[in-house]
Protein backbone atom coordinates (compact mmCIF):
# COMPACT_ATOMS: atom_id res chain seq x y z
CA UNK A 1 3.89 0.53 20.71
CA UNK A 2 6.14 1.37 17.79
CA UNK A 3 4.82 2.47 14.39
CA UNK A 4 6.87 2.20 11.24
CA UNK A 5 5.48 4.03 8.21
CA UNK A 6 6.74 3.08 4.74
CA UNK A 7 5.51 5.11 1.78
CA UNK A 8 6.49 5.14 -1.85
CA UNK A 9 5.32 4.71 -5.44
CA UNK A 10 3.76 1.63 -7.03
CA UNK A 11 6.15 -1.24 -7.56
CA UNK A 12 8.85 -0.01 -5.21
CA UNK A 13 8.64 -3.22 -3.22
CA UNK A 14 7.02 -1.69 -0.16
CA UNK A 15 4.72 -4.59 0.65
CA UNK A 16 7.36 -7.29 0.25
CA UNK A 17 9.96 -5.36 2.24
CA UNK A 18 7.51 -4.21 4.92
CA UNK A 19 6.16 -7.70 5.40
CA UNK A 20 9.65 -9.15 5.78
CA UNK A 21 10.74 -6.35 8.12
CA UNK A 22 7.64 -6.81 10.30
CA UNK A 23 8.42 -10.52 10.64
CA UNK A 24 12.03 -9.75 11.66
CA UNK A 25 10.86 -7.18 14.21
CA UNK A 26 7.93 -9.24 15.56
CA UNK A 27 5.48 -6.48 14.51
CA UNK A 28 2.16 -6.72 12.70
CA UNK A 29 2.34 -5.92 8.96
CA UNK A 30 -0.46 -3.71 7.62
CA UNK A 31 -0.84 -3.27 3.84
CA UNK A 32 -3.05 -0.20 3.44
CA UNK A 33 -2.94 -0.50 -0.35
CA UNK A 34 -4.75 -3.85 -0.04
CA UNK A 35 -7.62 -2.08 1.74
CA UNK A 36 -7.97 0.42 -1.09
CA UNK A 37 -7.79 -2.41 -3.65
CA UNK A 38 -10.66 -4.14 -1.83
CA UNK A 39 -12.78 -1.03 -1.98
CA UNK A 40 -11.90 -0.49 -5.64
CA UNK A 41 -12.78 -4.12 -6.57
CA UNK A 42 -16.16 -3.81 -4.81
CA UNK A 43 -17.00 -0.54 -6.58
CA UNK A 44 -16.10 -2.03 -9.97
CA UNK A 45 -18.29 -5.05 -9.19
CA UNK A 46 -21.18 -2.67 -8.43
CA UNK A 47 -20.58 -0.77 -11.69
CA UNK A 48 -19.72 2.45 -9.84
CA UNK A 49 -17.30 4.97 -11.37
CA UNK A 50 -14.84 7.05 -9.26
CA UNK A 51 -16.57 10.09 -10.76
CA UNK A 52 -19.81 9.10 -9.02
CA UNK A 53 -18.79 10.15 -5.51
CA UNK A 54 -22.36 10.14 -4.28
CA UNK A 55 -22.86 6.50 -5.27
CA UNK A 56 -19.47 5.61 -3.78
CA UNK A 57 -20.37 7.20 -0.49
CA UNK A 58 -23.65 5.34 -0.41
CA UNK A 59 -22.01 2.01 -1.23
CA UNK A 60 -19.52 2.47 1.56
CA UNK A 61 -22.33 2.41 4.11
CA UNK A 62 -22.90 -1.28 3.50
CA UNK A 63 -19.26 -2.20 3.14
CA UNK A 64 -16.96 -3.90 5.62
CA UNK A 65 -13.19 -4.12 5.04
CA UNK A 66 -11.12 -5.89 7.66
CA UNK A 67 -7.76 -7.62 8.07
CA UNK A 68 -7.01 -11.02 9.50
CA UNK A 69 -3.48 -11.83 10.57
CA UNK A 70 -2.44 -15.47 10.11
CA UNK A 71 0.76 -17.50 10.13
CA UNK A 72 0.84 -17.09 6.37
CA UNK A 73 0.43 -13.35 6.56
CA UNK A 74 -2.25 -10.72 6.20
CA UNK A 75 -5.59 -11.67 4.69
CA UNK A 76 -8.07 -9.08 3.41
CA UNK A 77 -11.76 -9.59 4.05
CA UNK A 78 -14.46 -7.80 2.09
CA UNK A 79 -17.87 -8.19 3.77
CA UNK A 80 -16.44 -11.28 5.45
CA UNK A 81 -15.14 -12.86 2.24
CA UNK A 82 -11.43 -13.44 1.75
CA UNK A 83 -10.49 -11.43 -1.34
CA UNK A 84 -6.70 -11.49 -0.87
CA UNK A 85 -6.16 -13.23 -4.20
CA UNK A 86 -8.71 -11.16 -6.10
CA UNK A 87 -7.11 -7.78 -5.41
CA UNK A 88 -3.72 -8.46 -6.99
CA UNK A 89 -4.55 -7.59 -10.57
CA UNK A 90 -3.69 -4.51 -12.76
CA UNK A 91 -7.43 -3.63 -12.69
CA UNK A 92 -7.50 -3.70 -8.89
CA UNK A 93 -4.33 -1.56 -8.83
CA UNK A 94 -5.84 1.10 -11.08
CA UNK A 95 -9.11 1.01 -9.14
CA UNK A 96 -7.23 1.53 -5.88
CA UNK A 97 -5.53 4.61 -7.28
CA UNK A 98 -8.81 5.96 -8.71
CA UNK A 99 -10.98 5.47 -5.63
CA UNK A 100 -8.29 6.39 -3.08
CA UNK A 101 -8.43 9.93 -4.42
CA UNK A 102 -11.97 10.31 -3.01
CA UNK A 103 -12.17 11.88 0.52
CA UNK A 104 -15.03 9.55 1.52
CA UNK A 105 -12.97 6.45 0.79
CA UNK A 106 -9.94 7.73 2.66
CA UNK A 107 -12.08 8.70 5.65
CA UNK A 108 -13.76 5.26 5.58
CA UNK A 109 -10.47 3.41 5.96
CA UNK A 110 -8.48 5.93 8.07
CA UNK A 111 -9.97 4.98 11.40
CA UNK A 112 -9.28 1.27 10.94
CA UNK A 113 -5.68 1.92 9.98
CA UNK A 114 -5.05 4.23 12.94
CA UNK A 115 -6.71 1.87 15.42
CA UNK A 116 -4.39 -0.94 14.35
CA UNK A 117 -1.35 1.24 15.05
CA UNK A 118 -2.67 2.36 18.45
CA UNK A 119 -3.10 -1.17 19.71
CA UNK A 120 -0.17 -2.95 18.06
CA UNK A 121 3.44 -2.36 17.04
CA UNK A 122 3.08 -2.16 13.25
CA UNK A 123 4.88 -1.81 9.99
CA UNK A 124 2.42 -0.05 7.71
CA UNK A 125 2.98 0.75 4.06
CA UNK A 126 1.06 2.84 1.57
CA UNK A 127 1.13 6.20 -0.14
CA UNK A 128 0.45 8.62 2.74
CA UNK A 129 1.10 6.65 5.92
CA UNK A 130 3.84 8.96 7.22
CA UNK A 131 2.12 12.17 6.12
CA UNK A 132 -1.56 11.52 6.92
CA UNK A 133 -2.36 8.14 8.46
CA UNK A 134 0.39 7.91 11.08
CA UNK A 135 2.04 11.30 11.28
CA UNK A 136 3.23 10.31 14.77
CA UNK A 137 5.10 7.21 13.55
CA UNK A 138 8.49 6.87 15.23
CA UNK A 139 10.11 5.67 12.00
CA UNK A 140 9.20 6.99 8.55
CA UNK A 141 10.70 5.67 5.32
CA UNK A 142 10.09 6.68 1.73
CA UNK A 143 10.99 3.62 -0.33
CA UNK A 144 11.42 4.15 -4.03
CA UNK A 145 13.19 2.88 -7.16
CA UNK A 146 13.50 4.02 -10.75
CA UNK A 147 10.34 3.53 -12.90
CA UNK A 148 12.21 1.11 -15.15
CA UNK A 149 13.31 -1.02 -12.17
CA UNK A 150 9.82 -1.02 -10.70
CA UNK A 151 8.27 -2.04 -14.02
CA UNK A 152 10.88 -4.81 -14.43
CA UNK A 153 10.03 -6.22 -11.00
CA UNK A 154 6.31 -6.15 -11.62
CA UNK A 155 6.78 -7.73 -15.03
CA UNK A 156 8.79 -10.57 -13.52
CA UNK A 157 6.27 -11.03 -10.75
CA UNK A 158 3.39 -11.43 -13.25
CA UNK A 159 5.43 -13.79 -15.44
CA UNK A 160 6.01 -16.02 -12.43
CA UNK A 161 2.25 -16.15 -11.91
CA UNK A 162 1.82 -17.47 -15.46
CA UNK A 163 0.65 -14.21 -16.94
CA UNK A 164 2.23 -12.68 -20.07
CA UNK A 165 2.02 -8.90 -19.75
CA UNK A 166 3.90 -6.39 -21.84
CA UNK A 167 6.79 -4.67 -20.06
CA UNK A 168 6.08 -1.46 -22.03
CA UNK A 169 2.43 -1.52 -20.93
CA UNK A 170 3.43 -2.04 -17.28
CA UNK A 171 5.92 0.83 -17.43
CA UNK A 172 3.29 3.08 -19.04
CA UNK A 173 0.70 2.20 -16.41
CA UNK A 174 3.26 2.76 -13.66
CA UNK A 175 4.22 6.23 -14.89
CA UNK A 176 0.54 7.12 -15.16
CA UNK A 177 -0.06 5.85 -11.63
CA UNK A 178 2.91 7.84 -10.31
CA UNK A 179 1.54 11.03 -11.87
CA UNK A 180 -1.97 10.40 -10.57
CA UNK A 181 -0.82 9.53 -7.05
CA UNK A 182 1.52 12.49 -6.75
CA UNK A 183 -0.88 15.06 -8.21
CA UNK A 184 -4.16 14.16 -6.52
CA UNK A 185 -5.71 16.83 -4.31
CA UNK A 186 -6.23 14.58 -1.33
CA UNK A 187 -3.10 13.21 0.38
CA UNK A 188 -0.76 13.24 -2.61
CA UNK A 189 2.22 10.89 -2.69
CA UNK A 190 5.22 12.66 -1.19
CA UNK A 191 7.86 11.93 1.47
CA UNK A 192 7.12 13.11 5.01
CA UNK A 193 9.46 15.91 6.00
CA UNK A 194 11.13 13.65 8.53
CA UNK A 195 11.20 10.49 6.38
CA UNK A 196 14.37 8.61 5.46
CA UNK A 197 14.69 8.24 1.65
CA UNK A 198 15.59 4.66 0.69
CA UNK A 199 16.20 3.99 -3.02
CA UNK A 200 16.04 0.23 -3.64
CA UNK A 201 17.32 0.39 -7.21
CA UNK A 202 20.12 -2.21 -7.39
CA UNK A 203 19.49 -3.48 -3.88
CA UNK A 204 18.35 -7.01 -2.98
CA UNK A 205 15.32 -7.55 -0.81
CA UNK A 206 17.51 -8.68 2.08
CA UNK A 207 19.52 -5.45 1.82
CA UNK A 208 16.40 -3.31 1.86
CA UNK A 209 14.93 -5.20 4.84
CA UNK A 210 18.24 -4.92 6.70
CA UNK A 211 18.24 -1.17 6.30
CA UNK A 212 14.63 -0.88 7.48
CA UNK A 213 15.26 -3.05 10.53
CA UNK A 214 18.45 -1.12 11.25
CA UNK A 215 16.56 2.21 11.29
CA UNK A 216 13.97 0.79 13.68
CA UNK A 217 16.55 -0.73 16.02
CA UNK A 218 18.42 2.55 16.08
CA UNK A 219 15.28 4.40 17.03
CA UNK A 220 14.48 1.84 19.78
CA UNK A 221 17.99 2.03 21.27
């Protein structure tokens, strides 16, 4: 089994690149951020704040988050319900960042993520995959891009979905998310000491995927 860990800030294109690289390699793609989004969406629906760690821990006892791998890609199930479409909103993104800072939430999802990598060759992306979730991963990549580039990509993505967000608001949210993710006490966003830094600013998706696949093939050789 080969594990590829791809970390990086919000909007760096981790999920898109990781998904494409996994397809090229014949590996399973695991989006850890989607799991945190699912937990965040559930907590918001229950009216629970990230500051109420006791209520969060209690709610996790009756929660099931799982992944289903299909021809179309990864689907996220929350208590058996497919919530893949529901978790791709700015609110879900902020909730993921807020609730992922809680030790009980990270512990809740850690076992599932590690089990997937122990039984399959995976490309897994997130914020702390190379540093915490899969410290034994054979290939570790820290994928980043300038905040302005990341905000531009997210803005375009939302416009294509028929939404009309403000670029300035997206950039502001992204900078706030960067600060929160890199300064949290539990598993802060940072490159693993043995990670390859890959800046995607100015690169096409195909170029990013080619570099990821090249690093994996080199390690396999």
